[in-house]
Amino acid sequence: MMERGSGWIGVAVPWAAVGTVLGSAAVIAVAAAVLPAARALRVRPVEAVGARE
């Protein structure tokens, strides 16, 4: 158990690394959403479901 008055223990947070990870995750998330959507826009709906005209 900590004694009273022992002082503040600081925690070092590597903000540059946190920002890099969050930025990379955001770019990957956007790419994961946009790339399949762009591909789906190029395919006719009838072809997408495999129906014959």
PDB file of N, CA and C in Angstrom:
ATOM      1  N   MET A   1       0.845  -1.173   0.000  1.00  0.00           N
ATOM      2  CA  MET A   1       0.000   0.000   0.000  1.00  0.00           C
ATOM      3  C   MET A   1       0.896   1.245   0.000  1.00  0.00           C
ATOM      4  N   MET A   2       0.485   2.251  -0.765  1.00  0.00           N
ATOM      5  CA  MET A   2       1.283   3.482  -0.838  1.00  0.00           C
ATOM      6  C   MET A   2       1.009   4.356   0.375  1.00  0.00           C
ATOM      7  N   GLU A   3       2.058   4.960   0.843  1.00  0.00           N
ATOM      8  CA  GLU A   3       1.908   5.877   1.963  1.00  0.00           C
ATOM      9  C   GLU A   3       1.403   7.222   1.460  1.00  0.00           C
ATOM     10  N   ARG A   4       0.691   7.898   2.310  1.00  0.00           N
ATOM     11  CA  ARG A   4       0.219   9.238   1.957  1.00  0.00           C
ATOM     12  C   ARG A   4       1.391  10.179   1.804  1.00  0.00           C
ATOM     13  N   GLY A   5       1.268  11.083   0.841  1.00  0.00           N
ATOM     14  CA  GLY A   5       2.296  12.084   0.671  1.00  0.00           C
ATOM     15  C   GLY A   5       3.519  11.588  -0.086  1.00  0.00           C
ATOM     16  N   SER A   6       3.398  10.426  -0.706  1.00  0.00           N
ATOM     17  CA  SER A   6       4.561   9.891  -1.417  1.00  0.00           C
ATOM     18  C   SER A   6       4.814  10.619  -2.729  1.00  0.00           C
ATOM     19  N   GLY A   7       3.905  11.473  -3.148  1.00  0.00           N
ATOM     20  CA  GLY A   7       4.128  12.272  -4.358  1.00  0.00           C
ATOM     21  C   GLY A   7       3.455  11.675  -5.586  1.00  0.00           C
ATOM     22  N   TRP A   8       3.543  12.425  -6.647  1.00  0.00           N
ATOM     23  CA  TRP A   8       2.913  12.056  -7.917  1.00  0.00           C
ATOM     24  C   TRP A   8       3.876  11.227  -8.751  1.00  0.00           C
ATOM     25  N   ILE A   9       3.395  10.149  -9.269  1.00  0.00           N
ATOM     26  CA  ILE A   9       4.202   9.326 -10.173  1.00  0.00           C
ATOM     27  C   ILE A   9       3.722   9.628 -11.588  1.00  0.00           C
ATOM     28  N   GLY A  10       4.586  10.224 -12.379  1.00  0.00           N
ATOM     29  CA  GLY A  10       4.212  10.586 -13.737  1.00  0.00           C
ATOM     30  C   GLY A  10       4.310   9.402 -14.683  1.00  0.00           C
ATOM     31  N   VAL A  11       3.516   9.458 -15.719  1.00  0.00           N
ATOM     32  CA  VAL A  11       3.529   8.432 -16.755  1.00  0.00           C
ATOM     33  C   VAL A  11       3.896   9.110 -18.061  1.00  0.00           C
ATOM     34  N   ALA A  12       4.906   8.583 -18.713  1.00  0.00           N
ATOM     35  CA  ALA A  12       5.332   9.148 -19.994  1.00  0.00           C
ATOM     36  C   ALA A  12       4.536   8.495 -21.119  1.00  0.00           C
ATOM     37  N   VAL A  13       3.846   9.307 -21.881  1.00  0.00           N
ATOM     38  CA  VAL A  13       3.053   8.812 -23.008  1.00  0.00           C
ATOM     39  C   VAL A  13       3.744   9.245 -24.292  1.00  0.00           C
ATOM     40  N   PRO A  14       4.139   8.287 -25.122  1.00  0.00           N
ATOM     41  CA  PRO A  14       4.790   8.641 -26.390  1.00  0.00           C
ATOM     42  C   PRO A  14       3.746   9.123 -27.403  1.00  0.00           C
ATOM     43  N   TRP A  15       3.402  10.409 -27.348  1.00  0.00           N
ATOM     44  CA  TRP A  15       2.314  10.938 -28.163  1.00  0.00           C
ATOM     45  C   TRP A  15       2.586  10.805 -29.653  1.00  0.00           C
ATOM     46  N   ALA A  16       3.821  10.892 -30.064  1.00  0.00           N
ATOM     47  CA  ALA A  16       4.138  10.742 -31.488  1.00  0.00           C
ATOM     48  C   ALA A  16       3.790   9.329 -31.961  1.00  0.00           C
ATOM     49  N   ALA A  17       4.127   8.343 -31.166  1.00  0.00           N
ATOM     50  CA  ALA A  17       3.812   6.958 -31.527  1.00  0.00           C
ATOM     51  C   ALA A  17       2.301   6.715 -31.505  1.00  0.00           C
ATOM     52  N   VAL A  18       1.618   7.264 -30.522  1.00  0.00           N
ATOM     53  CA  VAL A  18       0.160   7.121 -30.432  1.00  0.00           C
ATOM     54  C   VAL A  18      -0.495   7.761 -31.654  1.00  0.00           C
ATOM     55  N   GLY A  19      -0.038   8.950 -32.017  1.00  0.00           N
ATOM     56  CA  GLY A  19      -0.583   9.629 -33.189  1.00  0.00           C
ATOM     57  C   GLY A  19      -0.311   8.877 -34.478  1.00  0.00           C
ATOM     58  N   THR A  20       0.881   8.304 -34.589  1.00  0.00           N
ATOM     59  CA  THR A  20       1.226   7.526 -35.785  1.00  0.00           C
ATOM     60  C   THR A  20       0.342   6.298 -35.911  1.00  0.00           C
ATOM     61  N   VAL A  21       0.136   5.600 -34.824  1.00  0.00           N
ATOM     62  CA  VAL A  21      -0.710   4.404 -34.847  1.00  0.00           C
ATOM     63  C   VAL A  21      -2.153   4.770 -35.180  1.00  0.00           C
ATOM     64  N   LEU A  22      -2.672   5.825 -34.552  1.00  0.00           N
ATOM     65  CA  LEU A  22      -4.055   6.234 -34.828  1.00  0.00           C
ATOM     66  C   LEU A  22      -4.221   6.722 -36.272  1.00  0.00           C
ATOM     67  N   GLY A  23      -3.243   7.475 -36.762  1.00  0.00           N
ATOM     68  CA  GLY A  23      -3.303   7.941 -38.145  1.00  0.00           C
ATOM     69  C   GLY A  23      -3.245   6.795 -39.134  1.00  0.00           C
ATOM     70  N   SER A  24      -2.363   5.837 -38.884  1.00  0.00           N
ATOM     71  CA  SER A  24      -2.257   4.669 -39.765  1.00  0.00           C
ATOM     72  C   SER A  24      -3.549   3.861 -39.749  1.00  0.00           C
ATOM     73  N   ALA A  25      -4.116   3.686 -38.577  1.00  0.00           N
ATOM     74  CA  ALA A  25      -5.375   2.946 -38.465  1.00  0.00           C
ATOM     75  C   ALA A  25      -6.497   3.655 -39.216  1.00  0.00           C
ATOM     76  N   ALA A  26      -6.520   4.974 -39.159  1.00  0.00           N
ATOM     77  CA  ALA A  26      -7.549   5.729 -39.873  1.00  0.00           C
ATOM     78  C   ALA A  26      -7.397   5.578 -41.385  1.00  0.00           C
ATOM     79  N   VAL A  27      -6.153   5.634 -41.871  1.00  0.00           N
ATOM     80  CA  VAL A  27      -5.913   5.471 -43.314  1.00  0.00           C
ATOM     81  C   VAL A  27      -6.320   4.073 -43.763  1.00  0.00           C
ATOM     82  N   ILE A  28      -5.964   3.061 -42.992  1.00  0.00           N
ATOM     83  CA  ILE A  28      -6.327   1.688 -43.337  1.00  0.00           C
ATOM     84  C   ILE A  28      -7.843   1.510 -43.317  1.00  0.00           C
ATOM     85  N   ALA A  29      -8.517   2.095 -42.344  1.00  0.00           N
ATOM     86  CA  ALA A  29      -9.977   1.981 -42.254  1.00  0.00           C
ATOM     87  C   ALA A  29     -10.666   2.631 -43.449  1.00  0.00           C
ATOM     88  N   VAL A  30     -10.189   3.802 -43.845  1.00  0.00           N
ATOM     89  CA  VAL A  30     -10.779   4.485 -45.000  1.00  0.00           C
ATOM     90  C   VAL A  30     -10.543   3.666 -46.267  1.00  0.00           C
ATOM     91  N   ALA A  31      -9.334   3.150 -46.435  1.00  0.00           N
ATOM     92  CA  ALA A  31      -9.036   2.326 -47.616  1.00  0.00           C
ATOM     93  C   ALA A  31      -9.896   1.064 -47.625  1.00  0.00           C
ATOM     94  N   ALA A  32     -10.089   0.461 -46.461  1.00  0.00           N
ATOM     95  CA  ALA A  32     -10.902  -0.751 -46.372  1.00  0.00           C
ATOM     96  C   ALA A  32     -12.364  -0.476 -46.697  1.00  0.00           C
ATOM     97  N   ALA A  33     -12.808   0.747 -46.534  1.00  0.00           N
ATOM     98  CA  ALA A  33     -14.194   1.096 -46.859  1.00  0.00           C
ATOM     99  C   ALA A  33     -14.332   1.572 -48.300  1.00  0.00           C
ATOM    100  N   VAL A  34     -13.371   2.357 -48.769  1.00  0.00           N
ATOM    101  CA  VAL A  34     -13.483   2.987 -50.086  1.00  0.00           C
ATOM    102  C   VAL A  34     -13.183   2.019 -51.223  1.00  0.00           C
ATOM    103  N   LEU A  35     -12.175   1.191 -51.088  1.00  0.00           N
ATOM    104  CA  LEU A  35     -11.790   0.311 -52.194  1.00  0.00           C
ATOM    105  C   LEU A  35     -12.894  -0.670 -52.594  1.00  0.00           C
ATOM    106  N   PRO A  36     -13.521  -1.388 -51.672  1.00  0.00           N
ATOM    107  CA  PRO A  36     -14.623  -2.265 -52.078  1.00  0.00           C
ATOM    108  C   PRO A  36     -15.824  -1.481 -52.627  1.00  0.00           C
ATOM    109  N   ALA A  37     -16.082  -0.307 -52.076  1.00  0.00           N
ATOM    110  CA  ALA A  37     -17.206   0.501 -52.564  1.00  0.00           C
ATOM    111  C   ALA A  37     -16.941   0.983 -53.982  1.00  0.00           C
ATOM    112  N   ALA A  38     -15.712   1.381 -54.273  1.00  0.00           N
ATOM    113  CA  ALA A  38     -15.372   1.808 -55.633  1.00  0.00           C
ATOM    114  C   ALA A  38     -15.508   0.653 -56.612  1.00  0.00           C
ATOM    115  N   ARG A  39     -15.114  -0.523 -56.192  1.00  0.00           N
ATOM    116  CA  ARG A  39     -15.256  -1.703 -57.059  1.00  0.00           C
ATOM    117  C   ARG A  39     -16.735  -2.025 -57.287  1.00  0.00           C
ATOM    118  N   ALA A  40     -17.534  -1.909 -56.249  1.00  0.00           N
ATOM    119  CA  ALA A  40     -18.961  -2.209 -56.375  1.00  0.00           C
ATOM    120  C   ALA A  40     -19.659  -1.217 -57.299  1.00  0.00           C
ATOM    121  N   LEU A  41     -19.184   0.005 -57.347  1.00  0.00           N
ATOM    122  CA  LEU A  41     -19.800   0.997 -58.229  1.00  0.00           C
ATOM    123  C   LEU A  41     -19.573   0.680 -59.702  1.00  0.00           C
ATOM    124  N   ARG A  42     -18.504  -0.057 -60.007  1.00  0.00           N
ATOM    125  CA  ARG A  42     -18.194  -0.387 -61.404  1.00  0.00           C
ATOM    126  C   ARG A  42     -18.944  -1.621 -61.904  1.00  0.00           C
ATOM    127  N   VAL A  43     -19.520  -2.396 -61.026  1.00  0.00           N
ATOM    128  CA  VAL A  43     -20.197  -3.632 -61.411  1.00  0.00           C
ATOM    129  C   VAL A  43     -21.705  -3.380 -61.484  1.00  0.00           C
ATOM    130  N   ARG A  44     -22.315  -3.856 -62.550  1.00  0.00           N
ATOM    131  CA  ARG A  44     -23.775  -3.728 -62.671  1.00  0.00           C
ATOM    132  C   ARG A  44     -24.438  -4.618 -61.625  1.00  0.00           C
ATOM    133  N   PRO A  45     -25.539  -4.175 -61.020  1.00  0.00           N
ATOM    134  CA  PRO A  45     -26.198  -4.957 -59.962  1.00  0.00           C
ATOM    135  C   PRO A  45     -26.588  -6.367 -60.414  1.00  0.00           C
ATOM    136  N   VAL A  46     -27.006  -6.508 -61.657  1.00  0.00           N
ATOM    137  CA  VAL A  46     -27.397  -7.832 -62.145  1.00  0.00           C
ATOM    138  C   VAL A  46     -26.193  -8.770 -62.163  1.00  0.00           C
ATOM    139  N   GLU A  47     -25.042  -8.255 -62.548  1.00  0.00           N
ATOM    140  CA  GLU A  47     -23.826  -9.073 -62.550  1.00  0.00           C
ATOM    141  C   GLU A  47     -23.372  -9.385 -61.129  1.00  0.00           C
ATOM    142  N   ALA A  48     -23.590  -8.462 -60.224  1.00  0.00           N
ATOM    143  CA  ALA A  48     -23.135  -8.658 -58.848  1.00  0.00           C
ATOM    144  C   ALA A  48     -23.857  -9.814 -58.166  1.00  0.00           C
ATOM    145  N   VAL A  49     -25.131  -9.991 -58.456  1.00  0.00           N
ATOM    146  CA  VAL A  49     -25.882 -11.074 -57.824  1.00  0.00           C
ATOM    147  C   VAL A  49     -25.825 -12.351 -58.649  1.00  0.00           C
ATOM    148  N   GLY A  50     -25.263 -12.280 -59.825  1.00  0.00           N
ATOM    149  CA  GLY A  50     -25.086 -13.478 -60.649  1.00  0.00           C
ATOM    150  C   GLY A  50     -26.300 -13.868 -61.454  1.00  0.00           C
ATOM    151  N   ALA A  51     -27.258 -12.977 -61.593  1.00  0.00           N
ATOM    152  CA  ALA A  51     -28.449 -13.279 -62.370  1.00  0.00           C
ATOM    153  C   ALA A  51     -28.181 -13.063 -63.853  1.00  0.00           C
ATOM    154  N   ARG A  52     -28.894 -13.783 -64.667  1.00  0.00           N
ATOM    155  CA  ARG A  52     -28.751 -13.634 -66.108  1.00  0.00           C
ATOM    156  C   ARG A  52     -29.894 -12.785 -66.644  1.00  0.00           C
ATOM    157  N   GLU A  53     -29.553 -11.954 -67.615  1.00  0.00           N
ATOM    158  CA  GLU A  53     -30.586 -11.100 -68.219  1.00  0.00           C
ATOM    159  C   GLU A  53     -31.362 -11.853 -69.267  1.00  0.00           C
TER     160      GLU A  53
END
